[in-house]
Amino acid sequence: MLRGRLTHGRAVFAMIVATLMWSTAGVVTRRLHGAGSFEATFWRSFFNAAALVLLLGALRGWRELSTTLRHGGATLWLSGLCWAVMFTAFMIAITMTTVANVLVTMASAPLLTALFAGAALGHRLPARTWAAVVVAGVGIAWMYAHEFAAADTRQFVGIAVAAGVPIAAAVNWTVIQKSGRGDGDLLPAVLIGAVLSCMATIMPSWPLATSAHDLSLLALLGVGQLAIPCLIAVTAARVLSAPEAALLSLLEIIFGVTWTWLGAAETPSPQVLVGGTLVVGALVANESLALRRSR
């Protein structure tokens, strides 16, 4: 329905808006006063789920949404499980390490997807992708080695938890490709993921004692940083090619690091800048060549 109304230029603009909204997670999280990792994750996922119920119900109709959730099959629920891992791992990681560490680690998702899809779907990976994987791996290893050498266990664990996000994202995209249902049929999986994330974190969060200040910020994250931009991105992805979408999604790293630098005085370390440059540079080169070839 929306595809016919969305031009390529508007799709690019919509994707930029989505990355801008996603990138607010770090700076908003740094404004929390007392909510712990699990409690912040629970409330963010709770407000995300509540918003998605309302938005998907309004866009698709309550009966259609209910039917999809009941009869979506294993693919829908596996995709929902991947979303749950992404929602949970991201929020826990961002409370344990720097925003830059988390975002740079997440940037490996497109390259991991290429590897997973190659193994699961039998796709032959071009030499440029293998080269990008090696370079990005060096960048991530550089970051990990620095945290390990600094004996900062919490930072190191935070990066390790953040690695769950690109791994789950790669599995999710491979599952969608294998099912042949990449046109938005699995959008309710985002709702399933939010609900599963709530269920996984409510017990470690108990008793829920979040202040009104923190609740308002977590509601902002659940609705404005997750639910709405997810719907925008899915709509834009129907028009954009995969390399275009991957390149535009990198703006989240630039925006996110900038917001926390300016709004929370969180300056990225030289090791993160070097590692991030390797990861992002490898991805930009790989996706740019893919986009050029497709054209």
C-alpha atoms as a PDB file:
ATOM      1  CA  MET A   1       0.000   0.000   0.000  1.00  0.00           C
ATOM      2  CA  LEU A   2       2.759   2.432   0.943  1.00  0.00           C
ATOM      3  CA  ARG A   3       5.151   1.253  -1.693  1.00  0.00           C
ATOM      4  CA  GLY A   4       3.288   2.972  -4.519  1.00  0.00           C
ATOM      5  CA  ARG A   5       3.439   6.312  -2.714  1.00  0.00           C
ATOM      6  CA  LEU A   6       7.103   6.204  -1.771  1.00  0.00           C
ATOM      7  CA  THR A   7       9.625   7.414  -4.340  1.00  0.00           C
ATOM      8  CA  HIS A   8      13.275   6.476  -4.142  1.00  0.00           C
ATOM      9  CA  GLY A   9      14.237   9.904  -2.842  1.00  0.00           C
ATOM     10  CA  ARG A  10      11.591   9.771  -0.134  1.00  0.00           C
ATOM     11  CA  ALA A  11      12.709   6.261   0.808  1.00  0.00           C
ATOM     12  CA  VAL A  12      16.275   7.517   1.284  1.00  0.00           C
ATOM     13  CA  PHE A  13      14.980  10.390   3.416  1.00  0.00           C
ATOM     14  CA  ALA A  14      12.805   7.995   5.445  1.00  0.00           C
ATOM     15  CA  MET A  15      15.787   5.722   6.112  1.00  0.00           C
ATOM     16  CA  ILE A  16      17.870   8.684   7.271  1.00  0.00           C
ATOM     17  CA  VAL A  17      15.064   9.696   9.641  1.00  0.00           C
ATOM     18  CA  ALA A  18      14.908   6.125  10.995  1.00  0.00           C
ATOM     19  CA  THR A  19      18.661   6.016  11.681  1.00  0.00           C
ATOM     20  CA  LEU A  20      18.450   9.423  13.341  1.00  0.00           C
ATOM     21  CA  MET A  21      15.745   8.134  15.692  1.00  0.00           C
ATOM     22  CA  TRP A  22      17.622   4.884  16.395  1.00  0.00           C
ATOM     23  CA  SER A  23      20.770   6.824  17.253  1.00  0.00           C
ATOM     24  CA  THR A  24      19.170   8.559  20.247  1.00  0.00           C
ATOM     25  CA  ALA A  25      19.403   5.421  22.420  1.00  0.00           C
ATOM     26  CA  GLY A  26      22.839   6.173  23.841  1.00  0.00           C
ATOM     27  CA  VAL A  27      22.390   9.791  24.846  1.00  0.00           C
ATOM     28  CA  VAL A  28      18.922   9.150  26.325  1.00  0.00           C
ATOM     29  CA  THR A  29      20.180   6.130  28.286  1.00  0.00           C
ATOM     30  CA  ARG A  30      22.951   8.244  29.776  1.00  0.00           C
ATOM     31  CA  ARG A  31      20.231  10.492  31.244  1.00  0.00           C
ATOM     32  CA  LEU A  32      18.735   7.665  33.324  1.00  0.00           C
ATOM     33  CA  HIS A  33      19.114   8.208  37.062  1.00  0.00           C
ATOM     34  CA  GLY A  34      18.653   4.809  38.682  1.00  0.00           C
ATOM     35  CA  ALA A  35      17.250   2.167  36.303  1.00  0.00           C
ATOM     36  CA  GLY A  36      19.555  -0.852  36.088  1.00  0.00           C
ATOM     37  CA  SER A  37      20.399  -2.836  32.962  1.00  0.00           C
ATOM     38  CA  PHE A  38      17.561  -5.343  33.157  1.00  0.00           C
ATOM     39  CA  GLU A  39      14.957  -2.881  34.396  1.00  0.00           C
ATOM     40  CA  ALA A  40      15.807  -0.396  31.635  1.00  0.00           C
ATOM     41  CA  THR A  41      15.597  -3.219  29.088  1.00  0.00           C
ATOM     42  CA  PHE A  42      12.230  -4.379  30.420  1.00  0.00           C
ATOM     43  CA  TRP A  43      10.558  -0.957  30.309  1.00  0.00           C
ATOM     44  CA  ARG A  44      12.004  -0.064  26.905  1.00  0.00           C
ATOM     45  CA  SER A  45      10.680  -3.325  25.456  1.00  0.00           C
ATOM     46  CA  PHE A  46       7.355  -2.897  27.281  1.00  0.00           C
ATOM     47  CA  PHE A  47       6.713   0.528  25.771  1.00  0.00           C
ATOM     48  CA  ASN A  48       7.914  -0.728  22.402  1.00  0.00           C
ATOM     49  CA  ALA A  49       5.420  -3.602  22.526  1.00  0.00           C
ATOM     50  CA  ALA A  50       2.571  -1.344  23.612  1.00  0.00           C
ATOM     51  CA  ALA A  51       3.280   1.105  20.786  1.00  0.00           C
ATOM     52  CA  LEU A  52       3.554  -1.678  18.195  1.00  0.00           C
ATOM     53  CA  VAL A  53       0.224  -3.175  19.251  1.00  0.00           C
ATOM     54  CA  LEU A  54      -1.455   0.168  18.653  1.00  0.00           C
ATOM     55  CA  LEU A  55       0.434   1.006  15.449  1.00  0.00           C
ATOM     56  CA  LEU A  56       0.157  -2.406  13.806  1.00  0.00           C
ATOM     57  CA  GLY A  57      -3.476  -2.676  14.858  1.00  0.00           C
ATOM     58  CA  ALA A  58      -4.234   0.680  13.270  1.00  0.00           C
ATOM     59  CA  LEU A  59      -2.244  -0.014  10.100  1.00  0.00           C
ATOM     60  CA  ARG A  60      -3.267  -3.615   9.479  1.00  0.00           C
ATOM     61  CA  GLY A  61      -6.406  -4.094  11.490  1.00  0.00           C
ATOM     62  CA  TRP A  62      -6.713  -5.991  14.755  1.00  0.00           C
ATOM     63  CA  ARG A  63      -8.124  -9.114  13.107  1.00  0.00           C
ATOM     64  CA  GLU A  64      -5.306  -9.389  10.574  1.00  0.00           C
ATOM     65  CA  LEU A  65      -2.673  -8.803  13.261  1.00  0.00           C
ATOM     66  CA  SER A  66      -4.236 -11.459  15.483  1.00  0.00           C
ATOM     67  CA  THR A  67      -4.395 -13.945  12.598  1.00  0.00           C
ATOM     68  CA  THR A  68      -0.755 -13.362  11.698  1.00  0.00           C
ATOM     69  CA  LEU A  69       0.386 -13.890  15.271  1.00  0.00           C
ATOM     70  CA  ARG A  70      -1.624 -17.133  15.570  1.00  0.00           C
ATOM     71  CA  HIS A  71      -0.746 -18.650  12.213  1.00  0.00           C
ATOM     72  CA  GLY A  72       2.585 -17.046  11.323  1.00  0.00           C
ATOM     73  CA  GLY A  73       4.475 -20.303  11.770  1.00  0.00           C
ATOM     74  CA  ALA A  74       7.986 -21.124  12.946  1.00  0.00           C
ATOM     75  CA  THR A  75       9.646 -18.487  10.780  1.00  0.00           C
ATOM     76  CA  LEU A  76       7.673 -15.680  12.382  1.00  0.00           C
ATOM     77  CA  TRP A  77       8.545 -16.841  15.886  1.00  0.00           C
ATOM     78  CA  LEU A  78      12.200 -17.500  15.085  1.00  0.00           C
ATOM     79  CA  SER A  79      12.426 -13.982  13.695  1.00  0.00           C
ATOM     80  CA  GLY A  80      10.704 -12.718  16.842  1.00  0.00           C
ATOM     81  CA  LEU A  81      13.277 -14.532  18.986  1.00  0.00           C
ATOM     82  CA  CYS A  82      16.064 -12.809  17.054  1.00  0.00           C
ATOM     83  CA  TRP A  83      14.419  -9.429  17.652  1.00  0.00           C
ATOM     84  CA  ALA A  84      14.202 -10.258  21.353  1.00  0.00           C
ATOM     85  CA  VAL A  85      17.936 -10.986  21.494  1.00  0.00           C
ATOM     86  CA  MET A  86      18.679  -7.720  19.694  1.00  0.00           C
ATOM     87  CA  PHE A  87      16.452  -5.622  21.970  1.00  0.00           C
ATOM     88  CA  THR A  88      17.801  -7.228  25.149  1.00  0.00           C
ATOM     89  CA  ALA A  89      21.496  -7.439  24.272  1.00  0.00           C
ATOM     90  CA  PHE A  90      21.627  -3.856  22.999  1.00  0.00           C
ATOM     91  CA  MET A  91      20.172  -2.252  26.102  1.00  0.00           C
ATOM     92  CA  ILE A  92      22.198  -4.360  28.539  1.00  0.00           C
ATOM     93  CA  ALA A  93      25.400  -3.709  26.592  1.00  0.00           C
ATOM     94  CA  ILE A  94      24.871   0.043  26.406  1.00  0.00           C
ATOM     95  CA  THR A  95      24.626   0.201  30.203  1.00  0.00           C
ATOM     96  CA  MET A  96      27.925  -1.667  30.575  1.00  0.00           C
ATOM     97  CA  THR A  97      30.190  -0.084  27.969  1.00  0.00           C
ATOM     98  CA  THR A  98      30.424   3.010  25.816  1.00  0.00           C
ATOM     99  CA  VAL A  99      27.934   3.802  23.077  1.00  0.00           C
ATOM    100  CA  ALA A 100      30.742   3.824  20.519  1.00  0.00           C
ATOM    101  CA  ASN A 101      31.799   0.289  21.503  1.00  0.00           C
ATOM    102  CA  VAL A 102      28.238  -0.984  21.071  1.00  0.00           C
ATOM    103  CA  LEU A 103      27.565   0.763  17.759  1.00  0.00           C
ATOM    104  CA  VAL A 104      30.853  -0.271  16.161  1.00  0.00           C
ATOM    105  CA  THR A 105      30.259  -3.876  17.207  1.00  0.00           C
ATOM    106  CA  MET A 106      26.753  -3.709  15.710  1.00  0.00           C
ATOM    107  CA  ALA A 107      28.180  -2.426  12.426  1.00  0.00           C
ATOM    108  CA  SER A 108      29.442  -5.934  11.644  1.00  0.00           C
ATOM    109  CA  ALA A 109      25.858  -7.157  11.076  1.00  0.00           C
ATOM    110  CA  PRO A 110      25.820  -6.851   7.247  1.00  0.00           C
ATOM    111  CA  LEU A 111      29.098  -8.737   6.949  1.00  0.00           C
ATOM    112  CA  LEU A 112      27.945 -11.462   9.346  1.00  0.00           C
ATOM    113  CA  THR A 113      24.737 -11.705   7.330  1.00  0.00           C
ATOM    114  CA  ALA A 114      26.772 -12.310   4.182  1.00  0.00           C
ATOM    115  CA  LEU A 115      28.669 -15.105   5.947  1.00  0.00           C
ATOM    116  CA  PHE A 116      25.558 -16.723   7.433  1.00  0.00           C
ATOM    117  CA  ALA A 117      23.595 -16.456   4.196  1.00  0.00           C
ATOM    118  CA  GLY A 118      26.504 -17.947   2.294  1.00  0.00           C
ATOM    119  CA  ALA A 119      26.595 -20.943   4.622  1.00  0.00           C
ATOM    120  CA  ALA A 120      22.824 -21.458   4.967  1.00  0.00           C
ATOM    121  CA  LEU A 121      21.644 -20.538   1.485  1.00  0.00           C
ATOM    122  CA  GLY A 122      24.645 -21.606  -0.555  1.00  0.00           C
ATOM    123  CA  HIS A 123      25.399 -18.099  -1.797  1.00  0.00           C
ATOM    124  CA  ARG A 124      28.915 -17.736  -3.144  1.00  0.00           C
ATOM    125  CA  LEU A 125      30.573 -14.746  -1.526  1.00  0.00           C
ATOM    126  CA  PRO A 126      32.642 -12.462  -3.787  1.00  0.00           C
ATOM    127  CA  ALA A 127      36.268 -11.719  -2.960  1.00  0.00           C
ATOM    128  CA  ARG A 128      35.385  -8.145  -1.919  1.00  0.00           C
ATOM    129  CA  THR A 129      33.091  -9.475   0.824  1.00  0.00           C
ATOM    130  CA  TRP A 130      35.723 -11.849   2.156  1.00  0.00           C
ATOM    131  CA  ALA A 131      38.206  -8.969   2.223  1.00  0.00           C
ATOM    132  CA  ALA A 132      35.687  -6.797   4.057  1.00  0.00           C
ATOM    133  CA  VAL A 133      35.084  -9.567   6.611  1.00  0.00           C
ATOM    134  CA  VAL A 134      38.799  -9.827   7.334  1.00  0.00           C
ATOM    135  CA  VAL A 135      39.278  -6.069   7.703  1.00  0.00           C
ATOM    136  CA  ALA A 136      36.190  -5.690   9.905  1.00  0.00           C
ATOM    137  CA  GLY A 137      37.345  -8.628  12.022  1.00  0.00           C
ATOM    138  CA  VAL A 138      40.664  -6.901  12.595  1.00  0.00           C
ATOM    139  CA  GLY A 139      38.816  -3.754  13.686  1.00  0.00           C
ATOM    140  CA  ILE A 140      36.616  -5.596  16.176  1.00  0.00           C
ATOM    141  CA  ALA A 141      39.603  -7.600  17.486  1.00  0.00           C
ATOM    142  CA  TRP A 142      41.513  -4.348  18.017  1.00  0.00           C
ATOM    143  CA  MET A 143      38.701  -3.028  20.214  1.00  0.00           C
ATOM    144  CA  TYR A 144      38.397  -6.261  22.189  1.00  0.00           C
ATOM    145  CA  ALA A 145      42.146  -6.504  22.708  1.00  0.00           C
ATOM    146  CA  HIS A 146      42.285  -2.977  24.108  1.00  0.00           C
ATOM    147  CA  GLU A 147      39.537  -3.621  26.653  1.00  0.00           C
ATOM    148  CA  PHE A 148      41.096  -6.955  27.606  1.00  0.00           C
ATOM    149  CA  ALA A 149      44.561  -5.401  27.999  1.00  0.00           C
ATOM    150  CA  ALA A 150      43.097  -2.586  30.090  1.00  0.00           C
ATOM    151  CA  ALA A 151      41.683  -5.222  32.465  1.00  0.00           C
ATOM    152  CA  ASP A 152      38.316  -3.457  32.361  1.00  0.00           C
ATOM    153  CA  THR A 153      36.126  -6.519  32.727  1.00  0.00           C
ATOM    154  CA  ARG A 154      32.820  -4.632  32.610  1.00  0.00           C
ATOM    155  CA  GLN A 155      33.732  -2.892  29.342  1.00  0.00           C
ATOM    156  CA  PHE A 156      34.906  -6.176  27.833  1.00  0.00           C
ATOM    157  CA  VAL A 157      31.719  -8.011  28.874  1.00  0.00           C
ATOM    158  CA  GLY A 158      29.652  -5.133  27.515  1.00  0.00           C
ATOM    159  CA  ILE A 159      31.232  -5.498  24.077  1.00  0.00           C
ATOM    160  CA  ALA A 160      30.735  -9.278  24.236  1.00  0.00           C
ATOM    161  CA  VAL A 161      27.029  -8.782  25.031  1.00  0.00           C
ATOM    162  CA  ALA A 162      26.756  -6.230  22.211  1.00  0.00           C
ATOM    163  CA  ALA A 163      28.050  -8.910  19.812  1.00  0.00           C
ATOM    164  CA  GLY A 164      24.742 -10.692  20.312  1.00  0.00           C
ATOM    165  CA  VAL A 165      23.012  -7.910  18.346  1.00  0.00           C
ATOM    166  CA  PRO A 166      24.746  -8.371  14.956  1.00  0.00           C
ATOM    167  CA  ILE A 167      24.726 -12.164  15.351  1.00  0.00           C
ATOM    168  CA  ALA A 168      20.962 -12.190  15.963  1.00  0.00           C
ATOM    169  CA  ALA A 169      20.447  -9.688  13.142  1.00  0.00           C
ATOM    170  CA  ALA A 170      22.406 -11.893  10.735  1.00  0.00           C
ATOM    171  CA  VAL A 171      20.392 -14.965  11.722  1.00  0.00           C
ATOM    172  CA  ASN A 172      17.157 -12.995  11.388  1.00  0.00           C
ATOM    173  CA  TRP A 173      17.911 -11.732   7.898  1.00  0.00           C
ATOM    174  CA  THR A 174      19.077 -15.185   6.756  1.00  0.00           C
ATOM    175  CA  VAL A 175      15.856 -16.743   8.063  1.00  0.00           C
ATOM    176  CA  ILE A 176      13.773 -14.136   6.228  1.00  0.00           C
ATOM    177  CA  GLN A 177      15.699 -14.689   2.999  1.00  0.00           C
ATOM    178  CA  LYS A 178      15.414 -18.457   3.249  1.00  0.00           C
ATOM    179  CA  SER A 179      11.680 -18.256   3.827  1.00  0.00           C
ATOM    180  CA  GLY A 180      11.269 -15.992   0.821  1.00  0.00           C
ATOM    181  CA  ARG A 181       9.172 -13.609   2.889  1.00  0.00           C
ATOM    182  CA  GLY A 182      11.187 -10.431   2.916  1.00  0.00           C
ATOM    183  CA  ASP A 183       8.355  -8.092   1.906  1.00  0.00           C
ATOM    184  CA  GLY A 184       7.099  -7.104   5.352  1.00  0.00           C
ATOM    185  CA  ASP A 185       5.117 -10.278   6.252  1.00  0.00           C
ATOM    186  CA  LEU A 186       7.341 -10.700   9.276  1.00  0.00           C
ATOM    187  CA  LEU A 187       6.790  -7.226  10.684  1.00  0.00           C
ATOM    188  CA  PRO A 188       4.700  -8.608  13.602  1.00  0.00           C
ATOM    189  CA  ALA A 189       7.872 -10.478  14.614  1.00  0.00           C
ATOM    190  CA  VAL A 190       9.118  -7.151  15.972  1.00  0.00           C
ATOM    191  CA  LEU A 191       6.159  -7.166  18.358  1.00  0.00           C
ATOM    192  CA  ILE A 192       6.889 -10.763  19.354  1.00  0.00           C
ATOM    193  CA  GLY A 193      10.500  -9.804  20.026  1.00  0.00           C
ATOM    194  CA  ALA A 194       9.463  -6.944  22.295  1.00  0.00           C
ATOM    195  CA  VAL A 195       7.141  -9.211  24.289  1.00  0.00           C
ATOM    196  CA  LEU A 196       9.784 -11.949  24.632  1.00  0.00           C
ATOM    197  CA  SER A 197      12.310  -9.344  25.775  1.00  0.00           C
ATOM    198  CA  CYS A 198       9.871  -8.220  28.476  1.00  0.00           C
ATOM    199  CA  MET A 199       9.346 -11.795  29.619  1.00  0.00           C
ATOM    200  CA  ALA A 200      13.092 -12.480  29.764  1.00  0.00           C
ATOM    201  CA  THR A 201      13.914  -9.403  31.844  1.00  0.00           C
ATOM    202  CA  ILE A 202      10.982  -8.945  34.208  1.00  0.00           C
ATOM    203  CA  MET A 203      12.263 -11.340  36.890  1.00  0.00           C
ATOM    204  CA  PRO A 204      15.797  -9.855  37.069  1.00  0.00           C
ATOM    205  CA  SER A 205      14.131  -6.424  37.186  1.00  0.00           C
ATOM    206  CA  TRP A 206      11.839  -7.226  40.116  1.00  0.00           C
ATOM    207  CA  PRO A 207      10.782  -5.328  42.123  1.00  0.00           C
ATOM    208  CA  LEU A 208      10.115  -2.642  39.541  1.00  0.00           C
ATOM    209  CA  ALA A 209      11.091   0.583  41.241  1.00  0.00           C
ATOM    210  CA  THR A 210      11.897   2.870  38.335  1.00  0.00           C
ATOM    211  CA  SER A 211      11.398   6.569  38.980  1.00  0.00           C
ATOM    212  CA  ALA A 212       8.931   8.636  36.978  1.00  0.00           C
ATOM    213  CA  HIS A 213      11.869  10.449  35.378  1.00  0.00           C
ATOM    214  CA  ASP A 214      13.425   7.217  34.114  1.00  0.00           C
ATOM    215  CA  LEU A 215      10.058   5.821  33.021  1.00  0.00           C
ATOM    216  CA  SER A 216       9.433   8.846  30.829  1.00  0.00           C
ATOM    217  CA  LEU A 217      12.816   8.432  29.140  1.00  0.00           C
ATOM    218  CA  LEU A 218      12.329   4.687  28.662  1.00  0.00           C
ATOM    219  CA  ALA A 219       8.888   5.333  27.175  1.00  0.00           C
ATOM    220  CA  LEU A 220      10.548   7.757  24.753  1.00  0.00           C
ATOM    221  CA  LEU A 221      13.031   5.039  23.798  1.00  0.00           C
ATOM    222  CA  GLY A 222      10.392   2.339  23.394  1.00  0.00           C
ATOM    223  CA  VAL A 223       8.135   4.442  21.181  1.00  0.00           C
ATOM    224  CA  GLY A 224      10.384   6.985  19.473  1.00  0.00           C
ATOM    225  CA  GLN A 225      13.630   5.047  19.276  1.00  0.00           C
ATOM    226  CA  LEU A 226      12.247   1.588  18.449  1.00  0.00           C
ATOM    227  CA  ALA A 227       8.613   1.211  17.398  1.00  0.00           C
ATOM    228  CA  ILE A 228       8.217   4.155  15.024  1.00  0.00           C
ATOM    229  CA  PRO A 229      11.626   3.971  13.283  1.00  0.00           C
ATOM    230  CA  CYS A 230      11.229   0.197  12.810  1.00  0.00           C
ATOM    231  CA  LEU A 231       8.018   0.783  10.872  1.00  0.00           C
ATOM    232  CA  ILE A 232       9.639   3.601   8.892  1.00  0.00           C
ATOM    233  CA  ALA A 233      12.687   1.473   8.036  1.00  0.00           C
ATOM    234  CA  VAL A 234      10.598  -1.499   6.884  1.00  0.00           C
ATOM    235  CA  THR A 235       8.584   0.782   4.601  1.00  0.00           C
ATOM    236  CA  ALA A 236      11.751   2.345   3.164  1.00  0.00           C
ATOM    237  CA  ALA A 237      13.425  -1.055   2.721  1.00  0.00           C
ATOM    238  CA  ARG A 238      10.683  -2.077   0.292  1.00  0.00           C
ATOM    239  CA  VAL A 239      11.956   0.588  -2.121  1.00  0.00           C
ATOM    240  CA  LEU A 240      15.700   0.638  -1.413  1.00  0.00           C
ATOM    241  CA  SER A 241      18.122  -2.065  -2.477  1.00  0.00           C
ATOM    242  CA  ALA A 242      19.883  -4.048   0.243  1.00  0.00           C
ATOM    243  CA  PRO A 243      23.263  -2.305  -0.310  1.00  0.00           C
ATOM    244  CA  GLU A 244      21.589   1.112  -0.152  1.00  0.00           C
ATOM    245  CA  ALA A 245      19.795   0.260   3.077  1.00  0.00           C
ATOM    246  CA  ALA A 246      23.011  -1.123   4.605  1.00  0.00           C
ATOM    247  CA  LEU A 247      24.962   2.000   3.718  1.00  0.00           C
ATOM    248  CA  LEU A 248      22.300   4.335   5.074  1.00  0.00           C
ATOM    249  CA  SER A 249      22.048   2.331   8.301  1.00  0.00           C
ATOM    250  CA  LEU A 250      25.677   3.231   9.036  1.00  0.00           C
ATOM    251  CA  LEU A 251      24.475   6.750   9.795  1.00  0.00           C
ATOM    252  CA  GLU A 252      23.265   5.383  13.148  1.00  0.00           C
ATOM    253  CA  ILE A 253      26.898   4.967  14.205  1.00  0.00           C
ATOM    254  CA  ILE A 254      27.850   8.508  13.220  1.00  0.00           C
ATOM    255  CA  PHE A 255      24.732  10.041  14.764  1.00  0.00           C
ATOM    256  CA  GLY A 256      24.889   7.900  17.922  1.00  0.00           C
ATOM    257  CA  VAL A 257      28.540   8.593  18.707  1.00  0.00           C
ATOM    258  CA  THR A 258      28.032  12.298  17.998  1.00  0.00           C
ATOM    259  CA  TRP A 259      24.979  12.609  20.282  1.00  0.00           C
ATOM    260  CA  THR A 260      26.709  10.952  23.236  1.00  0.00           C
ATOM    261  CA  TRP A 261      29.855  12.992  22.634  1.00  0.00           C
ATOM    262  CA  LEU A 262      27.959  16.289  22.581  1.00  0.00           C
ATOM    263  CA  GLY A 263      25.129  15.423  24.977  1.00  0.00           C
ATOM    264  CA  ALA A 264      26.815  13.116  27.496  1.00  0.00           C
ATOM    265  CA  ALA A 265      30.504  14.046  27.231  1.00  0.00           C
ATOM    266  CA  GLU A 266      31.353  10.462  26.242  1.00  0.00           C
ATOM    267  CA  THR A 267      34.421  10.791  24.039  1.00  0.00           C
ATOM    268  CA  PRO A 268      35.339   7.673  22.018  1.00  0.00           C
ATOM    269  CA  SER A 269      38.794   6.261  22.741  1.00  0.00           C
ATOM    270  CA  PRO A 270      41.475   6.217  20.001  1.00  0.00           C
ATOM    271  CA  GLN A 271      41.214   2.405  19.871  1.00  0.00           C
ATOM    272  CA  VAL A 272      37.476   2.615  19.184  1.00  0.00           C
ATOM    273  CA  LEU A 273      38.031   5.236  16.489  1.00  0.00           C
ATOM    274  CA  VAL A 274      40.632   3.055  14.767  1.00  0.00           C
ATOM    275  CA  GLY A 275      38.554  -0.123  15.085  1.00  0.00           C
ATOM    276  CA  GLY A 276      35.393   1.691  14.029  1.00  0.00           C
ATOM    277  CA  THR A 277      37.116   3.172  10.987  1.00  0.00           C
ATOM    278  CA  LEU A 278      38.200  -0.308   9.886  1.00  0.00           C
ATOM    279  CA  VAL A 279      34.727  -1.803  10.379  1.00  0.00           C
ATOM    280  CA  VAL A 280      32.772   1.039   8.792  1.00  0.00           C
ATOM    281  CA  GLY A 281      35.311   1.495   5.999  1.00  0.00           C
ATOM    282  CA  ALA A 282      35.165  -2.201   5.107  1.00  0.00           C
ATOM    283  CA  LEU A 283      31.375  -2.139   5.069  1.00  0.00           C
ATOM    284  CA  VAL A 284      31.174   1.056   3.007  1.00  0.00           C
ATOM    285  CA  ALA A 285      33.620  -0.326   0.438  1.00  0.00           C
ATOM    286  CA  ASN A 286      31.807  -3.659   0.200  1.00  0.00           C
ATOM    287  CA  GLU A 287      28.291  -2.238  -0.066  1.00  0.00           C
ATOM    288  CA  SER A 288      29.359   0.555  -2.443  1.00  0.00           C
ATOM    289  CA  LEU A 289      30.850  -1.994  -4.826  1.00  0.00           C
ATOM    290  CA  ALA A 290      27.705  -4.121  -4.542  1.00  0.00           C
ATOM    291  CA  LEU A 291      25.510  -1.118  -5.272  1.00  0.00           C
ATOM    292  CA  ARG A 292      27.669  -0.070  -8.214  1.00  0.00           C
ATOM    293  CA  ARG A 293      27.532  -3.575  -9.657  1.00  0.00           C
ATOM    294  CA  SER A 294      23.759  -3.832  -9.252  1.00  0.00           C
ATOM    295  CA  ARG A 295      23.315  -0.593 -11.167  1.00  0.00           C
END
